[in-house]
Every structure is written in C-alpha cells, then in structure tokens.
C-alpha cells in the first residue's frame, strides 16, 4: 500500500502523466487543496510494456522505471507548483495501469483529479480512457480538467 499524506485525513489525489492537461489538473488540485485545507497526493503510474507493435519489448537491465518515474513526477511538481508550494504534497510513482492505480489511491479521498486526455489519447477525444474509467468507477467525486492553461 502506498504511504498516504500524514497529518490529516483529508486528501485530494491527482493523476500526473506529464501532459498539458495533467499539469493543469495538478494546478487545479493544488489550488483546491489549499482552499479546503486538504493535502495533495500526486500519483504517476508506470508499467513495463510486454508487447509493442506485435513484438516483445526488451527493457534494459539497468533501467529503473520506478526511480525514473519518481524523478519525472518530482520534476513536474516543481515546474508546475514551484519549489515551495503552499500545501503539503506527497508524490508517489506506482506500478500498474494508471486508471486502476488512481482508483486505488483515491479510496477515502475528497476528490480525484485527472486531465481529460493524457499521453496516448486520440486527437479530438473529449475524455481519454483513464479519465473516463476514473469518472465512472471512482468511490469519490472526480474532477476532469479539460484543457491545459
């Protein structure tokens, strides 16, 4: 189980994948956390692809996806919210499918915040597969941010 933010039972989960809409979702979630006194739990999911274009994927032995994902998440948070955000933030890279991991992380949350489309979405879609899955299966309110600022 992922470590939850400490100090309060009130927290907001935001899914981050580096896309423009996920950065806008991070900004929105941080502002909401500041307004409500909740802590922010930023989540970025990673997984090892098994197949790509019908061929097995070979992952270099020295590649640490958990570490590189955590570093990417920390960098995005710094770029979007600055080095000294006004709220308490926990940032965690988790292994697994993004929608499933976000739903798990959002159990007990005040809200789950996601971008409308992230990486891999088809141009013109109103919702991506992750945001649609979260909106229809979450146990808490879901906010879908539709555009990057």
C-alpha atoms as a PDB file:
ATOM      1  CA  UNK A   1       0.000   0.000   0.000  1.00  0.00           C
ATOM      2  CA  UNK A   2       1.187   3.481  -0.810  1.00  0.00           C
ATOM      3  CA  UNK A   3       2.008   5.839   2.013  1.00  0.00           C
ATOM      4  CA  UNK A   4      -0.796   8.349   2.477  1.00  0.00           C
ATOM      5  CA  UNK A   5      -0.219  12.000   3.362  1.00  0.00           C
ATOM      6  CA  UNK A   6       0.274  12.400   7.095  1.00  0.00           C
ATOM      7  CA  UNK A   7      -1.303  14.939   9.440  1.00  0.00           C
ATOM      8  CA  UNK A   8      -4.869  14.967   8.202  1.00  0.00           C
ATOM      9  CA  UNK A   9      -7.434  12.547   6.901  1.00  0.00           C
ATOM     10  CA  UNK A  10      -8.423  14.998   4.190  1.00  0.00           C
ATOM     11  CA  UNK A  11      -6.603  14.500   0.924  1.00  0.00           C
ATOM     12  CA  UNK A  12      -7.049  15.010  -2.795  1.00  0.00           C
ATOM     13  CA  UNK A  13      -5.483  12.672  -5.350  1.00  0.00           C
ATOM     14  CA  UNK A  14      -4.254  13.975  -8.703  1.00  0.00           C
ATOM     15  CA  UNK A  15      -3.068  11.853 -11.599  1.00  0.00           C
ATOM     16  CA  UNK A  16       0.005  13.170 -13.376  1.00  0.00           C
ATOM     17  CA  UNK A  17       1.435  11.886 -16.658  1.00  0.00           C
ATOM     18  CA  UNK A  18       3.317  14.953 -17.876  1.00  0.00           C
ATOM     19  CA  UNK A  19       0.725  16.003 -20.468  1.00  0.00           C
ATOM     20  CA  UNK A  20      -0.593  19.553 -20.594  1.00  0.00           C
ATOM     21  CA  UNK A  21      -3.967  18.560 -19.180  1.00  0.00           C
ATOM     22  CA  UNK A  22      -2.370  16.621 -16.304  1.00  0.00           C
ATOM     23  CA  UNK A  23      -0.282  19.699 -15.458  1.00  0.00           C
ATOM     24  CA  UNK A  24      -3.482  21.773 -15.465  1.00  0.00           C
ATOM     25  CA  UNK A  25      -5.101  19.114 -13.261  1.00  0.00           C
ATOM     26  CA  UNK A  26      -2.143  19.367 -10.855  1.00  0.00           C
ATOM     27  CA  UNK A  27      -2.556  23.157 -10.668  1.00  0.00           C
ATOM     28  CA  UNK A  28      -6.319  22.812 -10.110  1.00  0.00           C
ATOM     29  CA  UNK A  29      -5.907  20.129  -7.450  1.00  0.00           C
ATOM     30  CA  UNK A  30      -3.231  22.134  -5.609  1.00  0.00           C
ATOM     31  CA  UNK A  31      -5.479  25.194  -5.521  1.00  0.00           C
ATOM     32  CA  UNK A  32      -8.415  23.112  -4.280  1.00  0.00           C
ATOM     33  CA  UNK A  33      -6.228  21.532  -1.593  1.00  0.00           C
ATOM     34  CA  UNK A  34      -5.109  24.987  -0.487  1.00  0.00           C
ATOM     35  CA  UNK A  35      -8.703  26.267  -0.340  1.00  0.00           C
ATOM     36  CA  UNK A  36     -10.016  23.262   1.603  1.00  0.00           C
ATOM     37  CA  UNK A  37      -7.026  22.515   3.843  1.00  0.00           C
ATOM     38  CA  UNK A  38      -6.573  19.075   2.297  1.00  0.00           C
ATOM     39  CA  UNK A  39      -3.237  17.508   1.490  1.00  0.00           C
ATOM     40  CA  UNK A  40      -2.347  16.664  -2.090  1.00  0.00           C
ATOM     41  CA  UNK A  41      -1.352  13.163  -3.177  1.00  0.00           C
ATOM     42  CA  UNK A  42       0.194  13.291  -6.676  1.00  0.00           C
ATOM     43  CA  UNK A  43       0.358   9.918  -8.432  1.00  0.00           C
ATOM     44  CA  UNK A  44       2.194   8.846 -11.581  1.00  0.00           C
ATOM     45  CA  UNK A  45       1.805   5.246 -12.747  1.00  0.00           C
ATOM     46  CA  UNK A  46       4.328   3.219 -14.701  1.00  0.00           C
ATOM     47  CA  UNK A  47       4.461  -0.273 -16.128  1.00  0.00           C
ATOM     48  CA  UNK A  48       6.726  -2.384 -18.272  1.00  0.00           C
ATOM     49  CA  UNK A  49       5.144  -2.907 -21.689  1.00  0.00           C
ATOM     50  CA  UNK A  50       5.124  -6.544 -22.734  1.00  0.00           C
ATOM     51  CA  UNK A  51       4.472  -6.063 -26.439  1.00  0.00           C
ATOM     52  CA  UNK A  52       4.834  -3.151 -28.853  1.00  0.00           C
ATOM     53  CA  UNK A  53       3.675  -3.395 -32.454  1.00  0.00           C
ATOM     54  CA  UNK A  54       3.401  -7.181 -32.066  1.00  0.00           C
ATOM     55  CA  UNK A  55       6.975  -7.685 -30.874  1.00  0.00           C
ATOM     56  CA  UNK A  56       8.221  -8.292 -27.331  1.00  0.00           C
ATOM     57  CA  UNK A  57       9.665  -5.240 -25.583  1.00  0.00           C
ATOM     58  CA  UNK A  58      13.182  -5.590 -24.245  1.00  0.00           C
ATOM     59  CA  UNK A  59      13.828  -3.341 -21.247  1.00  0.00           C
ATOM     60  CA  UNK A  60      17.479  -2.593 -20.454  1.00  0.00           C
ATOM     61  CA  UNK A  61      18.590  -4.345 -17.269  1.00  0.00           C
ATOM     62  CA  UNK A  62      19.913  -1.127 -15.730  1.00  0.00           C
ATOM     63  CA  UNK A  63      16.700   0.840 -16.325  1.00  0.00           C
ATOM     64  CA  UNK A  64      14.920   1.604 -13.056  1.00  0.00           C
ATOM     65  CA  UNK A  65      11.411   2.635 -14.122  1.00  0.00           C
ATOM     66  CA  UNK A  66      10.253   3.290 -10.562  1.00  0.00           C
ATOM     67  CA  UNK A  67      13.125   5.688  -9.922  1.00  0.00           C
ATOM     68  CA  UNK A  68      12.902   7.451 -13.291  1.00  0.00           C
ATOM     69  CA  UNK A  69       9.132   7.847 -12.914  1.00  0.00           C
ATOM     70  CA  UNK A  70       9.540   9.270  -9.402  1.00  0.00           C
ATOM     71  CA  UNK A  71      12.138  11.746 -10.670  1.00  0.00           C
ATOM     72  CA  UNK A  72       9.851  12.777 -13.544  1.00  0.00           C
ATOM     73  CA  UNK A  73       6.939  13.305 -11.141  1.00  0.00           C
ATOM     74  CA  UNK A  74       9.074  15.360  -8.742  1.00  0.00           C
ATOM     75  CA  UNK A  75      10.321  17.478 -11.648  1.00  0.00           C
ATOM     76  CA  UNK A  76       6.791  18.109 -12.962  1.00  0.00           C
ATOM     77  CA  UNK A  77       5.573  19.114  -9.495  1.00  0.00           C
ATOM     78  CA  UNK A  78       8.493  21.553  -9.203  1.00  0.00           C
ATOM     79  CA  UNK A  79       7.820  23.024 -12.644  1.00  0.00           C
ATOM     80  CA  UNK A  80       4.080  23.423 -12.048  1.00  0.00           C
ATOM     81  CA  UNK A  81       3.931  24.373  -8.357  1.00  0.00           C
ATOM     82  CA  UNK A  82       7.421  25.691  -7.656  1.00  0.00           C
ATOM     83  CA  UNK A  83       9.924  24.582  -5.056  1.00  0.00           C
ATOM     84  CA  UNK A  84       7.931  25.814  -2.050  1.00  0.00           C
ATOM     85  CA  UNK A  85       4.234  25.012  -2.571  1.00  0.00           C
ATOM     86  CA  UNK A  86       1.790  26.408  -0.015  1.00  0.00           C
ATOM     87  CA  UNK A  87       0.358  22.939   0.664  1.00  0.00           C
ATOM     88  CA  UNK A  88       1.631  19.592   1.854  1.00  0.00           C
ATOM     89  CA  UNK A  89       2.245  17.258  -1.096  1.00  0.00           C
ATOM     90  CA  UNK A  90       3.144  13.612  -1.269  1.00  0.00           C
ATOM     91  CA  UNK A  91       4.341  12.351  -4.633  1.00  0.00           C
ATOM     92  CA  UNK A  92       4.443   8.687  -5.480  1.00  0.00           C
ATOM     93  CA  UNK A  93       5.273   6.643  -8.548  1.00  0.00           C
ATOM     94  CA  UNK A  94       3.254   3.429  -8.592  1.00  0.00           C
ATOM     95  CA  UNK A  95       3.500   0.372 -10.794  1.00  0.00           C
ATOM     96  CA  UNK A  96       0.415  -0.623 -12.735  1.00  0.00           C
ATOM     97  CA  UNK A  97      -2.275   0.577 -15.051  1.00  0.00           C
ATOM     98  CA  UNK A  98      -2.976   4.279 -14.443  1.00  0.00           C
ATOM     99  CA  UNK A  99      -6.773   4.076 -14.053  1.00  0.00           C
ATOM    100  CA  UNK A 100      -6.643   1.136 -11.656  1.00  0.00           C
ATOM    101  CA  UNK A 101      -3.868   2.668  -9.575  1.00  0.00           C
ATOM    102  CA  UNK A 102      -5.578   6.059  -9.398  1.00  0.00           C
ATOM    103  CA  UNK A 103      -8.828   4.461  -8.236  1.00  0.00           C
ATOM    104  CA  UNK A 104      -6.945   2.564  -5.549  1.00  0.00           C
ATOM    105  CA  UNK A 105      -5.035   5.649  -4.398  1.00  0.00           C
ATOM    106  CA  UNK A 106      -8.271   7.689  -4.298  1.00  0.00           C
ATOM    107  CA  UNK A 107     -10.034   5.397  -1.827  1.00  0.00           C
ATOM    108  CA  UNK A 108     -11.059   7.690   1.025  1.00  0.00           C
ATOM    109  CA  UNK A 109     -10.076  10.859  -0.857  1.00  0.00           C
ATOM    110  CA  UNK A 110     -12.158  14.000  -1.004  1.00  0.00           C
ATOM    111  CA  UNK A 111     -11.659  14.035  -4.776  1.00  0.00           C
ATOM    112  CA  UNK A 112      -9.743  12.502  -7.640  1.00  0.00           C
ATOM    113  CA  UNK A 113      -8.474  15.000 -10.222  1.00  0.00           C
ATOM    114  CA  UNK A 114      -7.363  13.942 -13.711  1.00  0.00           C
ATOM    115  CA  UNK A 115      -6.721  15.575 -17.043  1.00  0.00           C
ATOM    116  CA  UNK A 116      -9.239  14.933 -19.805  1.00  0.00           C
ATOM    117  CA  UNK A 117      -6.655  13.369 -22.111  1.00  0.00           C
ATOM    118  CA  UNK A 118      -3.094  12.425 -21.442  1.00  0.00           C
ATOM    119  CA  UNK A 119      -0.410  10.760 -23.462  1.00  0.00           C
ATOM    120  CA  UNK A 120      -1.725   8.258 -25.967  1.00  0.00           C
ATOM    121  CA  UNK A 121      -5.197   9.710 -26.446  1.00  0.00           C
ATOM    122  CA  UNK A 122      -6.618  10.146 -29.924  1.00  0.00           C
ATOM    123  CA  UNK A 123      -6.877  13.751 -31.049  1.00  0.00           C
ATOM    124  CA  UNK A 124     -10.390  15.103 -30.674  1.00  0.00           C
ATOM    125  CA  UNK A 125     -11.499  12.816 -27.851  1.00  0.00           C
ATOM    126  CA  UNK A 126     -13.331  14.630 -25.076  1.00  0.00           C
ATOM    127  CA  UNK A 127     -12.164  12.100 -22.484  1.00  0.00           C
ATOM    128  CA  UNK A 128      -9.248   9.734 -22.506  1.00  0.00           C
ATOM    129  CA  UNK A 129      -9.581   6.135 -21.384  1.00  0.00           C
ATOM    130  CA  UNK A 130      -8.090   6.838 -17.931  1.00  0.00           C
ATOM    131  CA  UNK A 131     -10.302   9.849 -17.169  1.00  0.00           C
ATOM    132  CA  UNK A 132     -13.406   8.052 -18.423  1.00  0.00           C
ATOM    133  CA  UNK A 133     -12.651   4.940 -16.362  1.00  0.00           C
ATOM    134  CA  UNK A 134     -11.994   7.036 -13.251  1.00  0.00           C
ATOM    135  CA  UNK A 135     -15.142   9.114 -13.742  1.00  0.00           C
ATOM    136  CA  UNK A 136     -17.313   6.022 -13.974  1.00  0.00           C
ATOM    137  CA  UNK A 137     -15.698   3.865 -11.267  1.00  0.00           C
ATOM    138  CA  UNK A 138     -14.321   6.134  -8.516  1.00  0.00           C
ATOM    139  CA  UNK A 139     -15.647   5.963  -4.968  1.00  0.00           C
ATOM    140  CA  UNK A 140     -15.190   9.743  -4.565  1.00  0.00           C
ATOM    141  CA  UNK A 141     -16.021  12.817  -6.652  1.00  0.00           C
ATOM    142  CA  UNK A 142     -13.939  13.105  -9.836  1.00  0.00           C
ATOM    143  CA  UNK A 143     -12.841  16.368 -11.435  1.00  0.00           C
ATOM    144  CA  UNK A 144     -11.795  16.149 -15.070  1.00  0.00           C
ATOM    145  CA  UNK A 145      -9.750  19.140 -16.230  1.00  0.00           C
ATOM    146  CA  UNK A 146     -10.377  19.637 -19.935  1.00  0.00           C
ATOM    147  CA  UNK A 147      -7.665  21.967 -21.123  1.00  0.00           C
ATOM    148  CA  UNK A 148      -4.127  22.937 -20.425  1.00  0.00           C
ATOM    149  CA  UNK A 149      -3.656  26.544 -19.379  1.00  0.00           C
END
